[in-house]
C-alpha cells in the first residue's frame, strides 16, 4: 500500500547537533561551554519587560513587530523597510534561501562554518557548495569566488566564522563583494560582531548601504544574552528585506521576545561592559593556551577552536570529566565557549594534556 512520501531532499537534510548540557560531577560546579551562550544573566530591565509581556500572553504578538522594528531602525539608522526579523539568525538563513533559491540552485559557503547552513540548504532543495577554510580557519575568499557559477544564488560569509573564530577584514570583504556577480545575494552573517577586536574590522551596516545585493544578519542570542527567546534580524535594501519578511513565519517572534529585545537595546551600555569583559577573558584564555604551545586560530568570537582532528572526542570526554561541556566536531576539532572564569580555567588545565 502506498504511503505519503516527503520530498526527496528531506532525506538529505543533515541533523543539527546542539551543544549538550554538562554532566553533573559530584563536588564540582558544572559549566556549559558548548553553545556560545552569554554566561551573564539578563541585562537590567529585560526581565521586567519580559514579565510584563507574559501578563498578556492570551493575546497574539504584534505580527508587524512595530516597536522592535522602530527601535532597530533608530539604533542602526536605517529605514524600517530595510529590516526583517526572524526567530534567531537561523530562521533568517531559511528565509533568504526560501526567497531566492529554486531546487538545484547553488549556495556557496566556507566549511567548516555554521552548522545550520547545509541543513537549511538541503531543506530548500538547493545544492551546497562548500569551500574549505584555510589552515588558519579563515575564509578562502578567492576559492569561494572561483566556486561561484551560473547556478549560484546565495553566498554566505560568516564573520567571525563559527566554529573556527577568525573574521574577514573590511578590505577583504569589499574586494570579494566587488567580484561577486550583482545578482547573487551575499549574506554577511555577523552573529558575533560585538566581540570583534581587530584592525580593519567589517562595518556591516556600511557594507549593506553600499551594495544592493548584500544582506546583514545579526542576532540577540549571543552578546545580548537572549538565546532562549530567539530573535534575529536582517538588514538589506528594501526589495530583499521585503522578500525575507514575505516568507517569514507569521507571529514568529513572540511578544515576550519582542519586549526583551527592545529592553536589551535600551540597556546597551551595560551590554558593552559585559562584552568587553568577555573579550578580555578570551584574550586571557588565548594567552594561557599559547603559553602551552597551542597555535589556535585568531578567534574574534566568544569561543576558541582546537583543530584536533581524530582526538576531538577525546578532549570533549576529558572536559566532561571535570564538569565542563564543549562542542566537538568528530574528526575535525572542538569549539569551546568563553564562559565563567572557573570553567575557562578548567579548560586550560584540560588543554595542557593535549598540547601539540
Protein backbone atom coordinates (compact mmCIF):
# COMPACT_ATOMS: atom_id res chain seq x y z
CA UNK A 1 0.00 0.00 0.00
CA UNK A 2 1.33 3.44 -0.92
CA UNK A 3 2.12 5.78 1.95
CA UNK A 4 2.82 9.52 1.98
CA UNK A 5 6.39 10.32 1.00
CA UNK A 6 8.27 13.51 1.86
CA UNK A 7 10.11 15.43 -0.82
CA UNK A 8 13.29 13.69 -1.91
CA UNK A 9 15.52 16.39 -0.44
CA UNK A 10 14.15 15.81 3.09
CA UNK A 11 16.14 12.60 3.41
CA UNK A 12 19.29 14.60 2.60
CA UNK A 13 18.88 17.06 5.46
CA UNK A 14 21.70 16.54 7.99
CA UNK A 15 20.79 16.57 11.68
CA UNK A 16 21.64 19.64 13.75
CA UNK A 17 23.78 18.66 16.73
CA UNK A 18 23.19 21.11 19.60
CA UNK A 19 25.63 21.72 22.40
CA UNK A 20 24.78 19.33 25.19
CA UNK A 21 24.35 20.32 28.86
CA UNK A 22 27.18 19.45 31.23
CA UNK A 23 27.32 16.16 33.06
CA UNK A 24 26.89 16.70 36.79
CA UNK A 25 30.11 15.85 38.62
CA UNK A 26 29.81 15.49 42.38
CA UNK A 27 31.53 18.32 44.21
CA UNK A 28 32.01 20.42 41.07
CA UNK A 29 30.07 23.33 39.64
CA UNK A 30 29.28 22.43 36.04
CA UNK A 31 29.78 24.81 33.13
CA UNK A 32 28.21 24.65 29.70
CA UNK A 33 30.83 25.83 27.21
CA UNK A 34 29.25 24.14 24.21
CA UNK A 35 26.70 26.59 22.79
CA UNK A 36 28.41 30.02 22.69
CA UNK A 37 25.91 31.37 25.17
CA UNK A 38 26.48 34.55 27.15
CA UNK A 39 27.24 33.47 30.75
CA UNK A 40 25.84 36.65 32.27
CA UNK A 41 22.22 36.96 33.49
CA UNK A 42 19.76 39.16 31.58
CA UNK A 43 20.56 42.85 31.21
CA UNK A 44 18.93 45.34 33.61
CA UNK A 45 15.27 45.86 32.81
CA UNK A 46 14.99 42.89 30.49
CA UNK A 47 13.35 40.51 32.95
CA UNK A 48 10.84 43.19 33.92
CA UNK A 49 9.97 43.89 30.29
CA UNK A 50 9.63 40.18 29.53
CA UNK A 51 7.48 39.62 32.60
CA UNK A 52 5.21 42.47 31.58
CA UNK A 53 4.72 40.85 28.19
CA UNK A 54 3.93 37.49 29.80
CA UNK A 55 0.96 39.11 31.52
CA UNK A 56 -0.75 39.44 28.13
CA UNK A 57 0.10 36.00 26.80
CA UNK A 58 -3.57 35.44 25.94
CA UNK A 59 -3.13 37.94 23.10
CA UNK A 60 -1.29 37.41 19.84
CA UNK A 61 2.02 39.23 19.50
CA UNK A 62 2.28 42.23 17.21
CA UNK A 63 2.73 40.43 13.90
CA UNK A 64 4.38 43.52 12.46
CA UNK A 65 6.82 43.79 15.39
CA UNK A 66 6.36 47.53 15.00
CA UNK A 67 8.03 48.64 18.24
CA UNK A 68 11.05 46.39 17.69
CA UNK A 69 11.42 47.48 14.06
CA UNK A 70 11.29 51.10 15.19
CA UNK A 71 13.92 50.51 17.88
CA UNK A 72 16.27 48.73 15.47
CA UNK A 73 15.81 51.37 12.79
CA UNK A 74 16.71 54.10 15.29
CA UNK A 75 19.67 52.16 16.66
CA UNK A 76 21.15 51.33 13.24
CA UNK A 77 19.99 54.50 11.47
CA UNK A 78 18.34 52.54 8.67
CA UNK A 79 14.79 52.63 7.25
CA UNK A 80 12.35 50.18 8.78
CA UNK A 81 11.68 48.93 5.24
CA UNK A 82 15.27 47.63 5.19
CA UNK A 83 14.76 45.30 8.18
CA UNK A 84 13.46 41.76 8.51
CA UNK A 85 13.03 39.80 11.74
CA UNK A 86 13.31 36.08 12.32
CA UNK A 87 13.33 33.62 15.18
CA UNK A 88 17.07 33.87 15.56
CA UNK A 89 19.52 34.24 12.69
CA UNK A 90 18.95 30.55 11.92
CA UNK A 91 15.44 31.41 10.74
CA UNK A 92 16.85 34.17 8.56
CA UNK A 93 19.00 31.59 6.77
CA UNK A 94 15.86 29.67 5.87
CA UNK A 95 14.14 32.89 4.84
CA UNK A 96 16.86 34.03 2.45
CA UNK A 97 17.10 30.59 0.86
CA UNK A 98 13.32 30.31 0.64
CA UNK A 99 13.23 33.71 -1.06
CA UNK A 100 15.98 33.26 -3.63
CA UNK A 101 16.68 29.57 -4.26
CA UNK A 102 14.84 27.18 -6.55
CA UNK A 103 15.55 23.44 -6.48
CA UNK A 104 19.08 22.78 -7.69
CA UNK A 105 20.35 26.33 -7.25
CA UNK A 106 23.74 26.57 -5.59
CA UNK A 107 24.68 28.14 -2.27
CA UNK A 108 28.37 28.82 -1.61
CA UNK A 109 29.84 29.00 1.88
CA UNK A 110 33.05 28.23 3.76
CA UNK A 111 33.44 24.92 5.54
CA UNK A 112 33.67 24.22 8.32
CA UNK A 113 31.31 27.04 9.17
CA UNK A 114 27.92 27.42 10.83
CA UNK A 115 26.27 24.02 11.11
CA UNK A 116 22.85 25.33 10.05
CA UNK A 117 23.98 26.25 6.54
CA UNK A 118 23.95 22.75 4.99
CA UNK A 119 20.75 21.89 6.86
CA UNK A 120 18.89 24.92 5.52
CA UNK A 121 20.28 24.48 2.01
CA UNK A 122 19.12 20.85 1.91
CA UNK A 123 15.71 21.83 3.29
CA UNK A 124 15.35 24.37 0.47
CA UNK A 125 16.16 21.74 -2.14
CA UNK A 126 19.24 23.73 -3.16
CA UNK A 127 22.81 22.47 -3.54
CA UNK A 128 25.60 23.20 -1.07
CA UNK A 129 28.98 24.24 -2.45
CA UNK A 130 31.37 24.01 0.48
CA UNK A 131 34.75 25.73 0.18
CA UNK A 132 37.34 24.59 2.75
CA UNK A 133 38.64 27.17 5.19
CA UNK A 134 42.38 27.77 5.27
CA UNK A 135 44.74 26.06 7.72
CA UNK A 136 44.25 29.11 9.97
CA UNK A 137 40.47 28.60 9.97
CA UNK A 138 39.84 31.63 7.73
CA UNK A 139 37.55 32.04 4.73
CA UNK A 140 39.35 31.41 1.45
CA UNK A 141 37.53 34.18 -0.39
CA UNK A 142 39.44 33.65 -3.65
CA UNK A 143 38.38 29.99 -3.69
CA UNK A 144 34.81 30.99 -2.86
CA UNK A 145 34.78 33.36 -5.82
CA UNK A 146 36.05 30.58 -8.05
CA UNK A 147 33.23 28.34 -6.81
CA UNK A 148 30.50 30.72 -8.00
CA UNK A 149 28.71 29.51 -11.14
CA UNK A 150 25.67 30.47 -13.17
CA UNK A 151 23.62 28.40 -10.69
CA UNK A 152 24.81 30.31 -7.61
CA UNK A 153 22.07 32.32 -5.93
CA UNK A 154 23.42 32.94 -2.40
CA UNK A 155 26.85 33.19 -0.78
CA UNK A 156 27.32 33.14 3.00
CA UNK A 157 30.26 34.88 4.67
CA UNK A 158 30.23 34.01 8.37
CA UNK A 159 32.37 36.58 10.17
CA UNK A 160 33.56 35.83 12.80
CA UNK A 161 33.43 32.29 11.49
CA UNK A 162 31.66 29.77 13.70
CA UNK A 163 33.29 27.46 14.85
CA UNK A 164 36.87 28.40 13.88
CA UNK A 165 36.76 32.04 15.02
CA UNK A 166 38.60 34.33 12.55
CA UNK A 167 36.91 37.29 10.89
CA UNK A 168 37.39 38.66 7.41
CA UNK A 169 38.60 42.24 7.13
CA UNK A 170 36.66 45.06 5.54
CA UNK A 171 39.23 45.26 2.75
CA UNK A 172 38.89 41.56 2.02
CA UNK A 173 35.11 41.74 2.09
CA UNK A 174 34.98 44.80 -0.18
CA UNK A 175 37.18 43.10 -2.78
CA UNK A 176 35.11 39.94 -2.58
CA UNK A 177 31.74 41.65 -2.98
CA UNK A 178 33.06 43.71 -5.88
CA UNK A 179 33.89 40.47 -7.73
CA UNK A 180 30.63 38.63 -6.96
CA UNK A 181 28.00 38.90 -9.73
CA UNK A 182 25.46 41.53 -8.73
CA UNK A 183 22.51 39.11 -8.99
CA UNK A 184 23.99 36.86 -6.27
CA UNK A 185 22.88 37.56 -2.71
CA UNK A 186 25.85 37.98 -0.36
CA UNK A 187 24.92 37.28 3.26
CA UNK A 188 27.31 38.77 5.82
CA UNK A 189 26.49 36.73 8.91
CA UNK A 190 27.60 38.73 11.95
CA UNK A 191 26.16 36.74 14.85
CA UNK A 192 29.27 37.51 16.92
CA UNK A 193 30.01 41.04 15.71
CA UNK A 194 30.01 42.59 19.19
CA UNK A 195 33.05 40.53 20.19
CA UNK A 196 35.29 41.63 17.30
CA UNK A 197 38.51 43.40 18.35
CA UNK A 198 40.74 43.78 15.28
CA UNK A 199 42.08 46.28 12.78
CA UNK A 200 40.11 46.81 9.57
CA UNK A 201 37.03 45.19 11.14
CA UNK A 202 33.95 44.81 8.99
CA UNK A 203 31.34 47.54 9.24
CA UNK A 204 28.31 45.51 8.26
CA UNK A 205 25.85 48.39 8.11
CA UNK A 206 28.13 50.45 5.88
CA UNK A 207 28.67 47.42 3.67
CA UNK A 208 24.92 46.89 3.20
CA UNK A 209 24.47 50.57 2.39
CA UNK A 210 26.97 50.32 -0.43
CA UNK A 211 25.69 47.16 -2.11
CA UNK A 212 22.15 46.29 -3.18
CA UNK A 213 22.88 42.54 -3.07
CA UNK A 214 24.25 42.44 0.50
CA UNK A 215 22.23 41.13 3.45
CA UNK A 216 23.47 41.60 7.00
CA UNK A 217 22.45 39.06 9.65
CA UNK A 218 22.64 39.82 13.37
CA UNK A 219 21.16 38.24 16.48
CA UNK A 220 20.16 38.91 20.07
CA UNK A 221 21.17 35.36 21.05
CA UNK A 222 24.89 35.85 21.72
CA UNK A 223 26.13 39.15 23.13
CA UNK A 224 22.64 40.26 24.21
CA UNK A 225 22.01 37.02 26.07
CA UNK A 226 18.56 36.26 24.63
CA UNK A 227 19.37 32.80 23.24
CA UNK A 228 16.26 31.35 24.87
CA UNK A 229 13.93 33.85 23.18
CA UNK A 230 15.11 33.51 19.54
CA UNK A 231 15.33 36.96 17.95
CA UNK A 232 17.47 37.75 14.93
CA UNK A 233 17.29 40.44 12.30
CA UNK A 234 18.47 41.11 8.77
CA UNK A 235 19.43 44.44 7.25
CA UNK A 236 19.11 44.70 3.47
CA UNK A 237 17.79 47.03 0.82
CA UNK A 238 14.01 47.06 0.71
CA UNK A 239 13.45 44.54 -2.13
CA UNK A 240 15.47 41.85 -0.35
CA UNK A 241 14.17 42.72 3.12
CA UNK A 242 10.61 42.55 1.80
CA UNK A 243 11.26 39.09 0.35
CA UNK A 244 12.59 37.86 3.70
CA UNK A 245 9.54 39.21 5.52
CA UNK A 246 7.22 37.62 2.94
CA UNK A 247 8.42 34.08 3.68
CA UNK A 248 8.75 34.52 7.45
CA UNK A 249 6.56 32.58 9.85
CA UNK A 250 3.56 34.74 10.85
CA UNK A 251 3.76 35.75 14.53
CA UNK A 252 7.18 34.03 14.65
CA UNK A 253 8.86 36.49 17.02
CA UNK A 254 6.68 36.24 20.08
CA UNK A 255 5.58 39.09 22.33
CA UNK A 256 7.97 38.26 25.17
CA UNK A 257 10.91 38.09 22.78
CA UNK A 258 9.99 41.43 21.22
CA UNK A 259 9.77 43.11 24.62
CA UNK A 260 13.05 41.59 25.79
CA UNK A 261 14.87 42.65 22.62
CA UNK A 262 13.68 46.25 22.92
CA UNK A 263 14.72 46.38 26.57
CA UNK A 264 18.11 44.90 25.66
CA UNK A 265 18.70 47.65 23.11
CA UNK A 266 17.88 50.20 25.81
CA UNK A 267 20.47 48.60 28.12
CA UNK A 268 23.26 48.65 25.55
CA UNK A 269 25.77 50.44 27.79
CA UNK A 270 25.60 47.56 30.26
CA UNK A 271 25.82 45.12 27.36
CA UNK A 272 29.02 46.65 26.06
CA UNK A 273 30.63 46.39 29.51
CA UNK A 274 29.86 42.68 29.61
CA UNK A 275 31.04 42.11 26.06
CA UNK A 276 34.31 43.89 26.85
CA UNK A 277 34.79 41.67 29.90
CA UNK A 278 34.23 38.55 27.77
CA UNK A 279 36.67 39.83 25.13
CA UNK A 280 39.28 40.36 27.85
CA UNK A 281 38.61 36.88 29.20
CA UNK A 282 39.03 35.49 25.68
CA UNK A 283 42.43 37.21 25.50
CA UNK A 284 43.44 35.69 28.84
CA UNK A 285 42.43 32.19 27.75
CA UNK A 286 44.17 32.53 24.39
CA UNK A 287 47.36 33.73 26.08
CA UNK A 288 47.35 30.82 28.54
CA UNK A 289 46.83 28.32 25.72
CA UNK A 290 49.59 29.95 23.66
CA UNK A 291 51.96 29.50 26.60
CA UNK A 292 51.16 25.78 26.45
CA UNK A 293 52.23 25.73 22.80
CA UNK A 294 48.84 25.95 21.11
CA UNK A 295 48.64 27.89 17.86
CA UNK A 296 44.90 28.42 17.69
CA UNK A 297 43.05 30.41 15.04
CA UNK A 298 42.76 34.10 15.91
CA UNK A 299 39.20 33.98 17.22
CA UNK A 300 37.09 37.12 17.16
CA UNK A 301 34.03 35.35 18.57
CA UNK A 302 33.23 34.32 22.14
CA UNK A 303 34.87 30.93 21.62
CA UNK A 304 38.13 29.23 20.66
CA UNK A 305 38.80 26.36 18.24
CA UNK A 306 41.06 23.35 18.73
CA UNK A 307 41.77 21.65 15.38
CA UNK A 308 42.41 18.28 16.98
CA UNK A 309 41.18 16.00 14.22
CA UNK A 310 40.83 12.42 15.46
CA UNK A 311 41.47 13.48 19.08
CA UNK A 312 38.47 15.82 19.19
CA UNK A 313 36.16 13.42 21.01
CA UNK A 314 38.95 12.59 23.46
CA UNK A 315 39.29 16.23 24.52
CA UNK A 316 35.50 16.52 24.83
CA UNK A 317 35.42 13.48 27.14
CA UNK A 318 38.26 14.86 29.26
CA UNK A 319 36.43 18.16 29.61
CA UNK A 320 33.21 16.40 30.55
CA UNK A 321 35.04 14.52 33.29
CA UNK A 322 35.86 17.81 35.04
CA UNK A 323 32.38 19.28 34.69
CA UNK A 324 32.64 21.35 31.51
CA UNK A 325 30.86 20.57 28.27
CA UNK A 326 32.43 21.60 24.96
CA UNK A 327 31.29 21.19 21.35
CA UNK A 328 33.25 18.53 19.45
CA UNK A 329 33.05 18.05 15.69
CA UNK A 330 34.15 14.45 15.26
CA UNK A 331 37.32 14.11 13.21
CA UNK A 332 37.76 17.88 12.90
CA UNK A 333 38.02 19.88 16.08
CA UNK A 334 36.49 21.22 19.27
CA UNK A 335 34.85 24.60 19.82
CA UNK A 336 34.84 25.93 23.37
CA UNK A 337 32.82 28.94 24.51
CA UNK A 338 34.44 31.60 26.66
CA UNK A 339 32.33 31.38 29.82
CA UNK A 340 32.81 31.85 33.53
CA UNK A 341 36.48 32.19 34.58
CA UNK A 342 36.41 28.97 36.65
CA UNK A 343 35.12 26.97 33.72
CA UNK A 344 37.72 28.58 31.46
CA UNK A 345 40.46 27.67 33.94
CA UNK A 346 39.36 24.04 33.82
CA UNK A 347 39.55 24.15 30.04
CA UNK A 348 43.11 25.47 30.24
CA UNK A 349 44.03 22.60 32.59
CA UNK A 350 42.46 20.02 30.28
CA UNK A 351 44.11 21.51 27.21
CA UNK A 352 47.52 21.14 28.84
CA UNK A 353 47.21 17.37 28.46
CA UNK A 354 46.58 17.74 24.72
CA UNK A 355 49.25 20.34 23.97
CA UNK A 356 50.72 19.95 20.48
